[in-house]
Amino acid sequence: MEPESPERAKRTGGVPLRLVAIGGGTGLSTLLKGLKRYVAASAGPRVALPGEPAIGELSAVVTVSDDGGSSGRLRKELNMLPPGDIRNCVVALSEDEALLSRLFQHRFQKGSGLEGHSFGNLFLAALTSITGDFAEAVRLSSEILTTRGHIFPATTSSIELEALMQDGSRVRGETKITASKERIKELVLVPPDVEPMPQTLDAIANADLITIGPGSLFTSLIPNLLVQGISQAIVNSSAVKVYVCNLMTQANESLGLTAADHIRALYDHAHANIFDYALINRKPVSDELKAKYALEGATQIVADLEAIEELGVCPVLGDYLEEAGVARHATDHVARDLLQLVARAPATHDASTIRR
């Protein structure tokens, strides 16, 4: 029998894995809560249970294009990057999910100038003012909350989203894009030539697993791929690359789009085929929740498996749906399946060997 390769040994539990999760919105922070449970106490060697490798280094790459709500107000008034999605990721990865995380998520209900702001957003704004560096403010916030991972803004440049619609019109700004009734054809960044942090490219290059999603297709996922160098870094990385598919279509972003349509949109904007696998929910939503989403025209995303395979992606099906008034990913199931997927994936990423 041939000796096990160092890469294979890492994936099967000999050495903790390096994982990069890319996204934004509630989707990314939900995923991070599940992955956090598998982060090793230290980056050194660790004996893991078979099929359950530990994570030695967890990095989140977060979109910074939000221009609405508390984040939008701070962005406009203080000329800083929007802190909301970053704040959610800091809280999701924090060791203490009780008092400190509740403090960061506390939203003021009244007060001149305070109403609508969350404490965490104001905290990041204050640290940005003190340090003069948003990325450093994020790092210090992570230290204060003792997060089990690194959090990187997709870029430290101020950006806006601009969408070309199917009718030929152009809409500028995330809030206006999500409010538009027209279907989005293409998304661009303004300015288009912004760059990522070097740490982001290093994390992607050294990763064993890269995930994109879940999250709003055009306003949480695609903006990350438009930052110069990120898509190519993903292509060049030897990591296993997984798309975590959304549960439901989203009004004004993805109504009528199937799982394969989501992947195509990501490929089109990345200008490359970037996924080995796609995690797709197979659990049906309840009639009650189905009716609630139908009010917005939203439905459960169709898992068109043959079309996904034609894109060179192996679909991995699981019961990833949890209902609590809304559809949310069962984060523990998703995290466990992701790590088992990496452990079982051969170095060549031959999808046919692990089709579930």
Protein backbone atom coordinates (compact mmCIF):
# COMPACT_ATOMS: atom_id res chain seq x y z
CA MET A 1 0.00 0.00 0.00
CA GLU A 2 1.28 3.44 -0.93
CA PRO A 3 1.94 5.85 1.98
CA GLU A 4 -0.71 8.48 2.58
CA SER A 5 0.16 11.85 1.05
CA PRO A 6 0.67 14.86 3.37
CA GLU A 7 -2.37 16.54 1.77
CA ARG A 8 -4.53 13.48 2.34
CA ALA A 9 -3.24 13.11 5.92
CA LYS A 10 -4.23 16.70 6.64
CA ARG A 11 -7.73 16.09 5.37
CA THR A 12 -8.24 12.94 7.39
CA GLY A 13 -7.44 14.44 10.76
CA GLY A 14 -3.65 14.43 11.14
CA VAL A 15 -3.32 18.20 10.84
CA PRO A 16 -6.06 20.81 11.31
CA LEU A 17 -7.53 22.25 8.13
CA ARG A 18 -7.37 25.79 6.79
CA LEU A 19 -10.79 27.01 5.72
CA VAL A 20 -11.91 30.20 3.96
CA ALA A 21 -15.61 31.14 3.95
CA ILE A 22 -16.63 33.85 1.48
CA GLY A 23 -19.92 35.75 1.53
CA GLY A 24 -21.92 38.28 3.48
CA GLY A 25 -25.23 38.97 5.13
CA THR A 26 -26.87 36.55 7.56
CA GLY A 27 -25.86 33.56 5.41
CA LEU A 28 -22.15 33.85 6.14
CA SER A 29 -22.55 34.53 9.86
CA THR A 30 -24.91 31.53 10.15
CA LEU A 31 -22.35 29.27 8.48
CA LEU A 32 -19.56 30.57 10.71
CA LYS A 33 -21.49 29.65 13.86
CA GLY A 34 -21.48 26.03 12.75
CA LEU A 35 -17.86 25.97 11.61
CA LYS A 36 -16.66 27.59 14.84
CA ARG A 37 -17.40 24.38 16.78
CA TYR A 38 -14.69 22.57 14.82
CA VAL A 39 -11.90 25.10 15.31
CA ALA A 40 -8.98 23.48 17.13
CA ALA A 41 -7.77 25.02 20.36
CA SER A 42 -4.39 25.56 18.73
CA ALA A 43 -2.96 25.34 15.23
CA GLY A 44 -0.73 22.39 16.14
CA PRO A 45 -1.31 18.72 15.27
CA ARG A 46 -4.47 17.23 16.68
CA VAL A 47 -5.96 13.77 16.65
CA ALA A 48 -9.48 14.06 15.26
CA LEU A 49 -12.23 11.51 15.15
CA PRO A 50 -12.46 9.70 11.79
CA GLY A 51 -14.40 11.82 9.33
CA GLU A 52 -14.32 14.86 11.62
CA PRO A 53 -11.19 16.87 10.88
CA ALA A 54 -10.54 19.94 12.99
CA ILE A 55 -10.18 23.45 11.62
CA GLY A 56 -6.82 24.97 12.45
CA GLU A 57 -7.40 28.30 10.75
CA LEU A 58 -10.78 29.77 9.85
CA SER A 59 -10.98 32.93 7.75
CA ALA A 60 -14.06 34.84 6.62
CA VAL A 61 -13.99 37.14 3.58
CA VAL A 62 -16.89 39.57 3.86
CA THR A 63 -18.50 41.86 1.31
CA VAL A 64 -18.47 45.59 2.11
CA SER A 65 -21.00 47.04 -0.33
CA ASP A 66 -23.94 47.65 2.05
CA ASP A 67 -25.36 51.17 1.85
CA GLY A 68 -28.57 50.84 3.86
CA GLY A 69 -29.64 51.01 7.50
CA SER A 70 -27.16 51.70 10.28
CA SER A 71 -24.20 50.68 8.10
CA GLY A 72 -25.26 53.03 5.33
CA ARG A 73 -25.66 55.95 7.72
CA LEU A 74 -22.21 55.42 9.23
CA ARG A 75 -20.71 54.98 5.79
CA LYS A 76 -22.15 58.29 4.62
CA GLU A 77 -21.59 60.32 7.79
CA LEU A 78 -18.12 59.03 8.75
CA ASN A 79 -16.76 58.04 5.32
CA MET A 80 -16.01 54.51 6.52
CA LEU A 81 -16.70 51.03 5.22
CA PRO A 82 -20.09 49.55 6.21
CA PRO A 83 -19.62 47.57 9.44
CA GLY A 84 -22.86 45.55 9.64
CA ASP A 85 -21.90 42.28 7.92
CA ILE A 86 -18.46 42.40 9.58
CA ARG A 87 -20.11 42.87 12.99
CA ASN A 88 -22.32 39.83 12.44
CA CYS A 89 -19.27 37.71 11.61
CA VAL A 90 -17.34 38.95 14.66
CA VAL A 91 -20.27 37.97 16.87
CA ALA A 92 -20.72 34.62 15.10
CA LEU A 93 -17.09 33.67 15.72
CA SER A 94 -16.88 35.03 19.27
CA GLU A 95 -16.07 32.67 22.14
CA ASP A 96 -18.71 34.28 24.33
CA GLU A 97 -22.06 34.20 22.57
CA ALA A 98 -23.80 35.51 25.68
CA LEU A 99 -23.14 38.99 27.08
CA LEU A 100 -20.51 40.39 24.71
CA SER A 101 -22.22 39.21 21.56
CA ARG A 102 -25.59 40.49 22.84
CA LEU A 103 -23.88 43.81 23.51
CA PHE A 104 -22.49 44.02 19.97
CA GLN A 105 -25.89 43.17 18.50
CA HIS A 106 -27.82 45.59 20.71
CA ARG A 107 -29.73 48.08 18.58
CA PHE A 108 -30.79 51.42 20.03
CA GLN A 109 -34.55 51.96 19.81
CA LYS A 110 -34.48 55.67 20.53
CA GLY A 111 -32.16 58.61 20.98
CA SER A 112 -31.27 61.44 18.62
CA GLY A 113 -28.59 60.13 16.28
CA LEU A 114 -28.54 56.75 18.04
CA GLU A 115 -31.87 55.28 17.00
CA GLY A 116 -31.41 52.37 14.61
CA HIS A 117 -27.69 51.97 15.22
CA SER A 118 -26.28 48.77 16.72
CA PHE A 119 -23.64 49.05 19.42
CA GLY A 120 -21.26 46.84 17.42
CA ASN A 121 -21.45 49.16 14.42
CA LEU A 122 -20.67 52.17 16.63
CA PHE A 123 -17.84 50.23 18.29
CA LEU A 124 -16.27 49.47 14.91
CA ALA A 125 -16.77 53.09 13.89
CA ALA A 126 -14.98 54.28 17.02
CA LEU A 127 -12.07 51.89 16.53
CA THR A 128 -11.80 52.93 12.89
CA SER A 129 -11.62 56.57 13.98
CA ILE A 130 -8.94 55.78 16.58
CA THR A 131 -6.77 53.59 14.35
CA GLY A 132 -7.50 55.24 11.02
CA ASP A 133 -7.73 51.75 9.54
CA PHE A 134 -10.98 49.77 9.15
CA ALA A 135 -9.17 46.44 8.76
CA GLU A 136 -7.24 47.06 11.97
CA ALA A 137 -10.48 47.97 13.73
CA VAL A 138 -11.93 44.63 12.64
CA ARG A 139 -8.85 42.80 13.91
CA LEU A 140 -8.98 44.53 17.29
CA SER A 141 -12.71 43.84 17.61
CA SER A 142 -12.01 40.19 16.93
CA GLU A 143 -9.39 40.17 19.67
CA ILE A 144 -11.76 41.78 22.17
CA LEU A 145 -14.48 39.21 21.51
CA THR A 146 -11.89 36.40 21.32
CA THR A 147 -13.08 35.16 17.96
CA ARG A 148 -12.14 31.73 16.66
CA GLY A 149 -11.09 32.99 13.27
CA HIS A 150 -9.89 35.85 11.10
CA ILE A 151 -12.27 38.30 9.44
CA PHE A 152 -11.19 40.16 6.31
CA PRO A 153 -13.18 42.79 4.42
CA ALA A 154 -13.25 41.76 0.74
CA THR A 155 -11.56 45.10 0.06
CA THR A 156 -10.66 48.10 2.17
CA SER A 157 -11.60 50.44 -0.67
CA SER A 158 -14.95 52.22 -0.68
CA ILE A 159 -17.13 50.59 -3.34
CA GLU A 160 -20.62 50.77 -4.75
CA LEU A 161 -22.55 48.16 -6.66
CA GLU A 162 -23.97 48.90 -10.09
CA ALA A 163 -26.34 46.51 -11.81
CA LEU A 164 -27.15 46.23 -15.48
CA MET A 165 -30.77 45.11 -15.70
CA GLN A 166 -32.41 42.92 -18.31
CA ASP A 167 -34.27 45.96 -19.71
CA GLY A 168 -30.96 47.76 -20.30
CA SER A 169 -31.26 50.19 -17.39
CA ARG A 170 -28.53 50.65 -14.78
CA VAL A 171 -29.12 50.89 -11.04
CA ARG A 172 -26.45 52.19 -8.63
CA GLY A 173 -26.29 51.23 -4.94
CA GLU A 174 -27.14 48.00 -3.11
CA THR A 175 -30.35 49.33 -1.55
CA LYS A 176 -31.71 50.53 -4.89
CA ILE A 177 -30.67 47.30 -6.62
CA THR A 178 -32.52 45.12 -4.13
CA ALA A 179 -35.58 47.38 -4.37
CA SER A 180 -35.69 47.23 -8.18
CA LYS A 181 -38.30 45.02 -9.82
CA GLU A 182 -36.15 44.35 -12.89
CA ARG A 183 -34.06 41.19 -13.20
CA ILE A 184 -30.33 41.69 -12.73
CA LYS A 185 -28.22 40.74 -15.75
CA GLU A 186 -24.76 41.79 -14.64
CA LEU A 187 -23.13 43.34 -11.61
CA VAL A 188 -20.04 45.57 -11.50
CA LEU A 189 -18.11 47.38 -8.80
CA VAL A 190 -17.61 51.14 -8.84
CA PRO A 191 -14.69 51.73 -9.01
CA PRO A 192 -13.88 48.43 -10.78
CA ASP A 193 -10.18 48.12 -9.94
CA VAL A 194 -10.23 47.70 -6.15
CA GLU A 195 -7.90 45.14 -4.60
CA PRO A 196 -8.21 42.70 -1.68
CA MET A 197 -6.07 42.62 1.44
CA PRO A 198 -2.88 40.56 0.97
CA GLN A 199 -3.98 38.39 3.92
CA THR A 200 -7.10 37.41 1.97
CA LEU A 201 -5.09 36.18 -1.00
CA ASP A 202 -2.71 34.31 1.31
CA ALA A 203 -5.60 32.62 3.11
CA ILE A 204 -7.17 31.52 -0.18
CA ALA A 205 -3.85 30.26 -1.55
CA ASN A 206 -3.18 28.16 1.56
CA ALA A 207 -6.73 26.91 2.11
CA ASP A 208 -7.82 23.27 2.19
CA LEU A 209 -11.49 24.24 1.80
CA ILE A 210 -13.10 27.34 0.29
CA THR A 211 -16.83 27.96 0.61
CA ILE A 212 -19.00 30.55 -1.09
CA GLY A 213 -22.51 31.05 0.25
CA PRO A 214 -25.12 30.93 1.47
CA GLY A 215 -26.22 34.51 0.93
CA SER A 216 -27.93 36.93 -1.43
CA LEU A 217 -26.58 36.04 -4.86
CA PHE A 218 -25.98 39.51 -6.27
CA THR A 219 -25.43 41.60 -3.14
CA SER A 220 -23.58 39.23 -0.77
CA LEU A 221 -21.75 36.65 -2.91
CA ILE A 222 -20.90 38.07 -6.34
CA PRO A 223 -19.37 41.36 -5.03
CA ASN A 224 -16.54 39.37 -3.44
CA LEU A 225 -15.69 37.75 -6.78
CA LEU A 226 -15.48 41.15 -8.48
CA VAL A 227 -12.62 42.35 -6.28
CA GLN A 228 -9.48 42.07 -8.39
CA GLY A 229 -7.48 38.93 -7.73
CA ILE A 230 -9.99 37.02 -5.60
CA SER A 231 -11.53 34.90 -8.35
CA GLN A 232 -8.14 34.03 -9.82
CA ALA A 233 -6.80 33.18 -6.37
CA ILE A 234 -9.70 30.75 -5.92
CA VAL A 235 -8.99 29.17 -9.31
CA ASN A 236 -5.28 28.80 -8.48
CA SER A 237 -5.87 27.37 -4.99
CA SER A 238 -5.61 23.61 -4.52
CA ALA A 239 -8.47 23.75 -1.99
CA VAL A 240 -11.73 21.85 -2.29
CA LYS A 241 -14.22 24.52 -3.44
CA VAL A 242 -17.87 24.31 -2.40
CA TYR A 243 -20.93 26.39 -3.15
CA VAL A 244 -23.42 26.33 -0.28
CA CYS A 245 -26.70 26.84 -2.09
CA ASN A 246 -29.45 29.10 -0.75
CA LEU A 247 -32.66 27.53 0.50
CA MET A 248 -35.15 29.93 -1.11
CA THR A 249 -35.20 32.31 -4.04
CA GLN A 250 -35.07 35.97 -3.06
CA ALA A 251 -37.32 38.79 -4.15
CA ASN A 252 -35.63 41.23 -6.57
CA GLU A 253 -32.46 39.09 -6.74
CA SER A 254 -33.08 35.49 -7.71
CA LEU A 255 -36.77 34.82 -8.28
CA GLY A 256 -37.16 31.91 -10.68
CA LEU A 257 -33.47 30.94 -10.56
CA THR A 258 -32.57 27.29 -10.02
CA ALA A 259 -29.51 26.02 -8.15
CA ALA A 260 -27.65 25.67 -11.45
CA ASP A 261 -28.65 29.24 -12.39
CA HIS A 262 -27.02 30.48 -9.19
CA ILE A 263 -23.81 28.65 -10.06
CA ARG A 264 -23.85 30.01 -13.63
CA ALA A 265 -24.22 33.58 -12.33
CA LEU A 266 -21.24 33.09 -10.02
CA TYR A 267 -19.20 31.57 -12.87
CA ASP A 268 -20.12 34.42 -15.23
CA HIS A 269 -18.93 37.07 -12.78
CA ALA A 270 -15.83 35.14 -11.73
CA HIS A 271 -15.01 34.45 -15.41
CA ALA A 272 -14.09 30.94 -14.34
CA ASN A 273 -15.56 27.64 -13.19
CA ILE A 274 -14.67 27.64 -9.52
CA PHE A 275 -16.62 24.88 -7.74
CA ASP A 276 -16.00 21.20 -7.17
CA TYR A 277 -19.17 20.59 -5.15
CA ALA A 278 -22.47 22.22 -4.26
CA LEU A 279 -24.25 21.56 -0.96
CA ILE A 280 -27.97 21.57 -1.70
CA ASN A 281 -30.91 21.18 0.67
CA ARG A 282 -33.31 18.34 -0.07
CA LYS A 283 -35.73 18.89 2.84
CA PRO A 284 -39.04 20.43 1.73
CA VAL A 285 -40.31 23.56 3.44
CA SER A 286 -43.58 23.39 5.36
CA ASP A 287 -46.79 24.53 3.71
CA GLU A 288 -47.01 27.38 6.21
CA LEU A 289 -43.57 28.72 5.36
CA LYS A 290 -44.12 28.12 1.65
CA ALA A 291 -47.20 30.35 1.81
CA LYS A 292 -45.30 33.05 3.67
CA TYR A 293 -42.53 33.20 1.05
CA ALA A 294 -45.07 33.07 -1.77
CA LEU A 295 -46.29 36.51 -0.72
CA GLU A 296 -43.00 37.84 -2.11
CA GLY A 297 -43.00 35.50 -5.08
CA ALA A 298 -40.21 33.44 -3.49
CA THR A 299 -40.07 29.65 -3.65
CA GLN A 300 -37.79 26.83 -2.59
CA ILE A 301 -34.82 26.68 -4.94
CA VAL A 302 -35.11 23.92 -7.53
CA ALA A 303 -32.24 21.42 -7.30
CA ASP A 304 -31.70 20.72 -11.01
CA LEU A 305 -29.03 18.11 -10.44
CA GLU A 306 -28.29 17.18 -14.06
CA ALA A 307 -27.74 20.82 -14.99
CA ILE A 308 -25.40 21.21 -12.00
CA GLU A 309 -23.39 18.17 -13.07
CA GLU A 310 -23.16 19.55 -16.62
CA LEU A 311 -21.39 22.55 -15.08
CA GLY A 312 -18.75 20.17 -13.70
CA VAL A 313 -20.05 20.42 -10.14
CA CYS A 314 -20.94 17.46 -7.93
CA PRO A 315 -24.20 18.06 -6.02
CA VAL A 316 -24.19 16.93 -2.39
CA LEU A 317 -27.70 16.65 -0.95
CA GLY A 318 -28.57 16.97 2.73
CA ASP A 319 -31.26 18.05 5.19
CA TYR A 320 -30.01 21.60 5.61
CA LEU A 321 -33.27 23.41 6.36
CA GLU A 322 -34.36 24.74 9.73
CA GLU A 323 -37.57 26.71 10.21
CA ALA A 324 -38.02 29.45 12.78
CA GLY A 325 -40.47 31.77 11.11
CA VAL A 326 -38.03 31.96 8.21
CA ALA A 327 -35.92 29.42 6.32
CA ARG A 328 -32.41 29.14 7.78
CA HIS A 329 -29.58 26.70 7.18
CA ALA A 330 -29.13 23.97 9.78
CA THR A 331 -25.64 25.24 10.42
CA ASP A 332 -24.38 22.19 12.35
CA HIS A 333 -25.40 19.84 9.52
CA VAL A 334 -23.81 22.07 6.90
CA ALA A 335 -20.54 22.44 8.82
CA ARG A 336 -20.23 18.73 9.52
CA ASP A 337 -20.91 17.77 5.91
CA LEU A 338 -18.42 20.32 4.62
CA LEU A 339 -15.65 18.93 6.78
CA GLN A 340 -16.50 15.33 5.98
CA LEU A 341 -16.55 16.26 2.30
CA VAL A 342 -13.01 17.59 2.52
CA ALA A 343 -11.82 14.56 4.46
CA ARG A 344 -13.22 12.19 1.85
CA ALA A 345 -12.30 14.19 -1.26
CA PRO A 346 -9.25 12.80 -3.07
CA ALA A 347 -6.54 15.21 -4.11
CA THR A 348 -7.92 15.14 -7.65
CA HIS A 349 -11.42 16.18 -6.42
CA ASP A 350 -13.02 13.33 -8.40
CA ALA A 351 -16.64 14.10 -7.62
CA SER A 352 -17.95 10.70 -8.69
CA THR A 353 -16.21 8.97 -5.80
CA ILE A 354 -18.26 10.72 -3.10
CA ARG A 355 -21.63 11.29 -4.70
CA ARG A 356 -24.18 10.98 -1.90
